[in-house]
N, C-alpha and C. Protein backbone atom coordinates (compact mmCIF):
# COMPACT_ATOMS: atom_id res chain seq x y z
N UNK A 1 56.18 -53.78 5.02
CA UNK A 1 56.08 -52.36 5.47
C UNK A 1 55.95 -51.45 4.21
N UNK A 2 56.44 -51.91 3.10
CA UNK A 2 56.49 -50.96 2.04
C UNK A 2 54.89 -50.85 1.46
N UNK A 3 54.19 -51.99 1.63
CA UNK A 3 52.79 -51.95 1.14
C UNK A 3 52.06 -50.85 1.99
N UNK A 4 52.25 -50.84 3.33
CA UNK A 4 51.55 -49.98 4.13
C UNK A 4 52.16 -48.47 3.90
N UNK A 5 53.33 -48.31 3.67
CA UNK A 5 53.94 -47.02 3.21
C UNK A 5 53.28 -46.48 1.99
N UNK A 6 53.20 -47.44 1.05
CA UNK A 6 52.60 -47.06 -0.22
C UNK A 6 51.20 -46.64 -0.13
N UNK A 7 50.36 -47.32 0.64
CA UNK A 7 48.98 -47.03 0.92
C UNK A 7 48.89 -45.61 1.57
N UNK A 8 49.76 -45.39 2.57
CA UNK A 8 49.68 -44.04 3.11
C UNK A 8 50.12 -42.84 2.17
N UNK A 9 51.04 -43.19 1.42
CA UNK A 9 51.57 -42.23 0.46
C UNK A 9 50.35 -41.88 -0.58
N UNK A 10 49.75 -42.91 -1.10
CA UNK A 10 48.73 -42.73 -2.03
C UNK A 10 47.43 -42.14 -1.46
N UNK A 11 47.20 -42.45 -0.22
CA UNK A 11 46.01 -41.85 0.44
C UNK A 11 46.16 -40.34 0.74
N UNK A 12 47.44 -40.04 1.19
CA UNK A 12 47.71 -38.58 1.29
C UNK A 12 47.52 -37.88 -0.09
N UNK A 13 48.08 -38.36 -1.18
CA UNK A 13 47.96 -37.73 -2.43
C UNK A 13 46.56 -37.73 -3.00
N UNK A 14 45.78 -38.67 -2.65
CA UNK A 14 44.39 -38.75 -3.16
C UNK A 14 43.46 -37.94 -2.21
N UNK A 15 43.63 -38.15 -0.98
CA UNK A 15 42.67 -37.54 -0.01
C UNK A 15 42.59 -36.04 0.00
N UNK A 16 43.78 -35.38 -0.06
CA UNK A 16 43.78 -33.94 0.13
C UNK A 16 43.16 -33.27 -1.24
N UNK A 17 43.49 -33.74 -2.37
CA UNK A 17 42.82 -33.26 -3.49
C UNK A 17 41.35 -33.56 -3.55
N UNK A 18 41.05 -34.74 -3.08
CA UNK A 18 39.55 -35.04 -2.99
C UNK A 18 38.71 -34.15 -2.12
N UNK A 19 39.33 -33.91 -0.93
CA UNK A 19 38.64 -32.93 0.06
C UNK A 19 38.65 -31.59 -0.57
N UNK A 20 39.77 -31.04 -1.27
CA UNK A 20 39.67 -29.74 -1.88
C UNK A 20 38.70 -29.60 -3.00
N UNK A 21 38.45 -30.74 -3.75
CA UNK A 21 37.40 -30.74 -4.80
C UNK A 21 36.10 -30.73 -4.16
N UNK A 22 35.86 -31.45 -3.13
CA UNK A 22 34.54 -31.49 -2.45
C UNK A 22 34.22 -30.10 -1.90
N UNK A 23 35.22 -29.49 -1.23
CA UNK A 23 34.96 -28.06 -0.73
C UNK A 23 34.63 -27.03 -1.79
N UNK A 24 35.43 -27.27 -2.94
CA UNK A 24 35.25 -26.38 -4.04
C UNK A 24 33.72 -26.59 -4.62
N UNK A 25 33.31 -27.85 -4.80
CA UNK A 25 32.02 -28.07 -5.29
C UNK A 25 30.87 -27.57 -4.23
N UNK A 26 31.17 -27.73 -2.98
CA UNK A 26 30.28 -27.31 -2.06
C UNK A 26 29.93 -25.76 -2.18
N UNK A 27 31.16 -25.06 -2.16
CA UNK A 27 30.94 -23.57 -2.19
C UNK A 27 30.45 -23.08 -3.49
N UNK A 28 30.80 -23.77 -4.59
CA UNK A 28 30.31 -23.38 -5.97
C UNK A 28 28.87 -23.65 -5.89
N UNK A 29 28.30 -24.63 -5.46
CA UNK A 29 26.87 -25.07 -5.45
C UNK A 29 26.17 -23.90 -4.64
N UNK A 30 26.69 -23.59 -3.51
CA UNK A 30 26.02 -22.59 -2.70
C UNK A 30 26.10 -21.19 -3.29
N UNK A 31 27.13 -20.87 -3.95
CA UNK A 31 27.32 -19.62 -4.57
C UNK A 31 26.33 -19.44 -5.79
N UNK A 32 25.87 -20.63 -6.29
CA UNK A 32 24.89 -20.46 -7.41
C UNK A 32 23.41 -20.68 -6.94
N UNK A 33 23.25 -21.83 -6.13
CA UNK A 33 21.86 -22.24 -5.68
C UNK A 33 21.49 -21.79 -4.42
N UNK A 34 22.41 -21.25 -3.63
CA UNK A 34 22.09 -20.89 -2.13
C UNK A 34 21.10 -19.73 -1.97
N UNK A 35 20.88 -19.44 -0.69
CA UNK A 35 19.80 -18.37 -0.43
C UNK A 35 20.29 -17.11 -0.86
N UNK A 36 21.57 -16.93 -0.85
CA UNK A 36 22.10 -15.63 -1.36
C UNK A 36 23.02 -15.87 -2.62
N UNK A 37 22.66 -16.82 -3.29
CA UNK A 37 23.43 -17.17 -4.62
C UNK A 37 23.09 -16.36 -5.80
N UNK A 38 23.66 -16.74 -6.89
CA UNK A 38 23.32 -15.99 -8.23
C UNK A 38 21.94 -16.09 -8.65
N UNK A 39 21.29 -17.26 -8.48
CA UNK A 39 19.85 -17.51 -8.89
C UNK A 39 18.99 -16.66 -8.03
N UNK A 40 19.27 -16.49 -6.78
CA UNK A 40 18.55 -15.68 -5.86
C UNK A 40 18.73 -14.15 -6.33
N UNK A 41 19.91 -13.76 -6.61
CA UNK A 41 20.16 -12.58 -7.03
C UNK A 41 19.45 -12.19 -8.33
N UNK A 42 19.35 -12.94 -9.29
CA UNK A 42 18.53 -12.87 -10.56
C UNK A 42 17.05 -12.71 -10.14
N UNK A 43 16.50 -13.51 -9.34
CA UNK A 43 15.07 -13.27 -8.96
C UNK A 43 14.82 -11.99 -8.29
N UNK A 44 15.63 -11.61 -7.46
CA UNK A 44 15.46 -10.36 -6.77
C UNK A 44 15.69 -9.17 -7.78
N UNK A 45 16.46 -9.32 -8.79
CA UNK A 45 16.58 -8.31 -9.81
C UNK A 45 15.24 -8.12 -10.58
N UNK A 46 14.75 -9.29 -10.85
CA UNK A 46 13.39 -9.37 -11.66
C UNK A 46 12.28 -8.68 -10.83
N UNK A 47 12.36 -9.04 -9.53
CA UNK A 47 11.31 -8.52 -8.54
C UNK A 47 11.38 -6.89 -8.45
N UNK A 48 12.72 -6.61 -8.45
CA UNK A 48 13.07 -5.07 -8.34
C UNK A 48 12.51 -4.39 -9.57
N UNK A 49 12.75 -4.93 -10.71
CA UNK A 49 12.29 -4.25 -11.96
C UNK A 49 10.76 -4.20 -12.06
N UNK A 50 10.06 -5.35 -11.55
CA UNK A 50 8.70 -5.42 -11.58
C UNK A 50 8.15 -4.33 -10.64
N UNK A 51 8.78 -4.19 -9.47
CA UNK A 51 8.33 -3.26 -8.40
C UNK A 51 8.55 -1.79 -8.95
N UNK A 52 9.77 -1.56 -9.72
CA UNK A 52 9.98 -0.12 -10.29
C UNK A 52 8.92 0.15 -11.30
N UNK A 53 8.45 -0.81 -12.09
CA UNK A 53 7.51 -0.54 -13.19
C UNK A 53 6.12 -0.27 -12.43
N UNK A 54 5.78 -1.04 -11.43
CA UNK A 54 4.56 -0.77 -10.72
C UNK A 54 4.56 0.55 -10.05
N UNK A 55 5.74 1.01 -9.49
CA UNK A 55 5.89 2.23 -8.76
C UNK A 55 5.71 3.45 -9.88
N UNK A 56 6.20 3.18 -11.10
CA UNK A 56 6.04 4.30 -12.05
C UNK A 56 4.68 4.42 -12.45
N UNK A 57 3.91 3.20 -12.61
CA UNK A 57 2.49 3.23 -12.86
C UNK A 57 1.72 4.05 -11.85
N UNK A 58 2.04 3.75 -10.56
CA UNK A 58 1.29 4.37 -9.52
C UNK A 58 1.65 5.92 -9.47
N UNK A 59 2.81 6.17 -9.81
CA UNK A 59 3.18 7.63 -9.74
C UNK A 59 2.50 8.38 -10.92
N UNK A 60 2.30 7.72 -12.06
CA UNK A 60 1.50 8.35 -13.14
C UNK A 60 0.10 8.46 -12.74
N UNK A 61 -0.51 7.47 -12.16
CA UNK A 61 -1.90 7.56 -11.71
C UNK A 61 -2.04 8.65 -10.72
N UNK A 62 -1.06 8.80 -9.79
CA UNK A 62 -1.13 9.78 -8.76
C UNK A 62 -1.09 11.21 -9.40
N UNK A 63 -0.16 11.43 -10.37
CA UNK A 63 -0.03 12.73 -11.02
C UNK A 63 -1.40 13.06 -11.79
N UNK A 64 -2.00 12.12 -12.35
CA UNK A 64 -3.36 12.40 -13.05
C UNK A 64 -4.37 12.76 -12.02
N UNK A 65 -4.41 12.09 -10.89
CA UNK A 65 -5.33 12.38 -9.81
C UNK A 65 -5.11 13.78 -9.21
N UNK A 66 -3.73 14.15 -9.13
CA UNK A 66 -3.39 15.46 -8.53
C UNK A 66 -3.93 16.58 -9.49
N UNK A 67 -3.66 16.29 -10.80
CA UNK A 67 -4.16 17.15 -11.83
C UNK A 67 -5.66 17.49 -11.71
N UNK A 68 -6.39 16.37 -11.53
CA UNK A 68 -7.88 16.49 -11.39
C UNK A 68 -8.35 17.21 -10.15
N UNK A 69 -7.50 16.92 -9.00
CA UNK A 69 -7.82 17.57 -7.74
C UNK A 69 -7.46 19.18 -7.88
N UNK A 70 -6.45 19.44 -8.53
CA UNK A 70 -6.14 20.79 -8.68
C UNK A 70 -7.20 21.58 -9.38
N UNK A 71 -7.76 20.91 -10.37
CA UNK A 71 -8.89 21.62 -11.13
C UNK A 71 -10.12 21.96 -10.08
N UNK A 72 -10.26 21.32 -8.97
CA UNK A 72 -11.33 21.40 -8.07
C UNK A 72 -11.17 22.26 -6.94
N UNK A 73 -9.90 22.79 -6.88
CA UNK A 73 -9.53 23.60 -5.66
C UNK A 73 -10.25 25.02 -5.78
N UNK A 74 -10.49 25.65 -4.70
CA UNK A 74 -11.41 26.90 -4.73
C UNK A 74 -10.64 27.95 -5.43
N UNK A 75 -9.33 28.12 -5.42
CA UNK A 75 -8.65 29.19 -6.04
C UNK A 75 -8.51 29.06 -7.50
N UNK A 76 -8.72 27.78 -8.01
CA UNK A 76 -8.43 27.47 -9.43
C UNK A 76 -9.65 26.47 -9.85
N UNK A 77 -10.81 26.82 -9.76
CA UNK A 77 -12.03 25.96 -9.93
C UNK A 77 -12.31 26.02 -11.37
N UNK A 78 -12.29 24.79 -12.00
CA UNK A 78 -12.74 24.50 -13.20
C UNK A 78 -14.20 24.02 -13.21
N UNK A 79 -15.06 24.88 -13.86
CA UNK A 79 -16.53 24.66 -13.76
C UNK A 79 -16.81 23.29 -14.43
N UNK A 80 -16.22 23.03 -15.64
CA UNK A 80 -16.54 21.73 -16.31
C UNK A 80 -16.09 20.50 -15.40
N UNK A 81 -15.03 20.57 -14.76
CA UNK A 81 -14.75 19.43 -13.88
C UNK A 81 -15.63 19.33 -12.73
N UNK A 82 -16.03 20.53 -12.20
CA UNK A 82 -17.02 20.53 -11.01
C UNK A 82 -18.36 19.92 -11.52
N UNK A 83 -18.78 20.24 -12.75
CA UNK A 83 -19.98 19.67 -13.36
C UNK A 83 -19.88 18.17 -13.51
N UNK A 84 -18.72 17.81 -14.04
CA UNK A 84 -18.58 16.35 -14.32
C UNK A 84 -18.53 15.54 -13.05
N UNK A 85 -17.87 16.04 -11.97
CA UNK A 85 -17.83 15.38 -10.64
C UNK A 85 -19.24 15.35 -9.98
N UNK A 86 -19.97 16.40 -10.17
CA UNK A 86 -21.33 16.49 -9.62
C UNK A 86 -22.38 15.46 -10.18
N UNK A 87 -22.20 15.43 -11.53
CA UNK A 87 -23.02 14.41 -12.27
C UNK A 87 -22.60 12.96 -11.96
N UNK A 88 -21.32 12.75 -11.79
CA UNK A 88 -20.90 11.37 -11.47
C UNK A 88 -21.48 11.02 -10.06
N UNK A 89 -21.17 11.95 -9.04
CA UNK A 89 -21.55 11.62 -7.76
C UNK A 89 -22.93 11.42 -7.49
N UNK A 90 -23.66 12.34 -8.09
CA UNK A 90 -25.19 12.44 -7.86
C UNK A 90 -25.94 11.67 -8.80
N UNK A 91 -25.36 11.13 -9.93
CA UNK A 91 -26.12 10.44 -10.96
C UNK A 91 -27.22 11.40 -11.61
N UNK A 92 -26.87 12.52 -11.83
CA UNK A 92 -27.88 13.47 -12.56
C UNK A 92 -27.49 13.87 -13.88
N UNK A 93 -28.45 14.10 -14.78
CA UNK A 93 -28.27 14.59 -16.05
C UNK A 93 -29.43 15.55 -16.38
N UNK A 94 -29.15 16.38 -17.40
CA UNK A 94 -30.32 17.22 -17.88
C UNK A 94 -31.26 16.51 -18.61
N UNK A 95 -32.58 16.89 -18.69
CA UNK A 95 -33.59 16.14 -19.33
C UNK A 95 -33.28 15.95 -20.84
N UNK A 96 -32.76 16.91 -21.57
CA UNK A 96 -32.49 16.83 -22.97
C UNK A 96 -31.14 16.09 -23.32
N UNK A 97 -30.33 15.72 -22.41
CA UNK A 97 -29.05 15.09 -22.63
C UNK A 97 -29.24 13.72 -22.92
N UNK A 98 -28.43 13.08 -23.74
CA UNK A 98 -28.38 11.76 -24.05
C UNK A 98 -27.10 11.09 -23.19
N UNK A 99 -27.46 10.00 -22.63
CA UNK A 99 -26.37 9.38 -21.81
C UNK A 99 -25.90 8.13 -22.47
N UNK A 100 -24.63 8.07 -22.65
CA UNK A 100 -24.02 6.81 -23.21
C UNK A 100 -23.25 6.05 -22.08
N UNK A 101 -23.60 4.87 -21.76
CA UNK A 101 -23.07 4.22 -20.61
C UNK A 101 -21.82 3.45 -21.19
N UNK A 102 -20.75 3.57 -20.31
CA UNK A 102 -19.57 3.01 -20.73
C UNK A 102 -19.23 1.88 -19.67
N UNK A 103 -19.30 0.70 -19.66
CA UNK A 103 -19.23 -0.22 -18.74
C UNK A 103 -17.84 -0.48 -18.26
N UNK A 104 -16.86 -0.19 -19.15
CA UNK A 104 -15.48 -0.32 -18.77
C UNK A 104 -14.98 0.77 -17.88
N UNK A 105 -15.57 1.79 -17.73
CA UNK A 105 -15.05 2.92 -16.90
C UNK A 105 -15.72 2.83 -15.43
N UNK A 106 -14.93 2.90 -14.44
CA UNK A 106 -15.46 2.80 -13.12
C UNK A 106 -15.90 4.14 -12.70
N UNK A 107 -16.84 4.23 -11.77
CA UNK A 107 -17.44 5.38 -11.26
C UNK A 107 -16.47 5.96 -10.18
N UNK A 108 -16.51 7.32 -10.00
CA UNK A 108 -15.63 8.00 -9.11
C UNK A 108 -16.30 8.17 -7.72
N UNK A 109 -16.83 7.03 -7.14
CA UNK A 109 -17.40 7.25 -5.88
C UNK A 109 -16.47 6.98 -4.72
């Protein structure tokens, strides 16, 4: 009977800490690797930063376009801007002008 008692005693003292360690490892793994773990948080932070940079670039481009549009409004018409847009859209130049083609620049059509 003492052998059986010894096995039960050791099993209790080994089994409970083993289960606790397994649970701790399980939750630690999912806290780091899980769908909402630390690595996922870092990836989302990187995506957020990339998206903020892209949003800032879009905002800058929008401000530039708004400035150009403001110059073409009837109450504040800039004749140079109007001439530039007309030449770009209609592909017209004066006979005595020289045209330098810039392939890197997209047309405003």
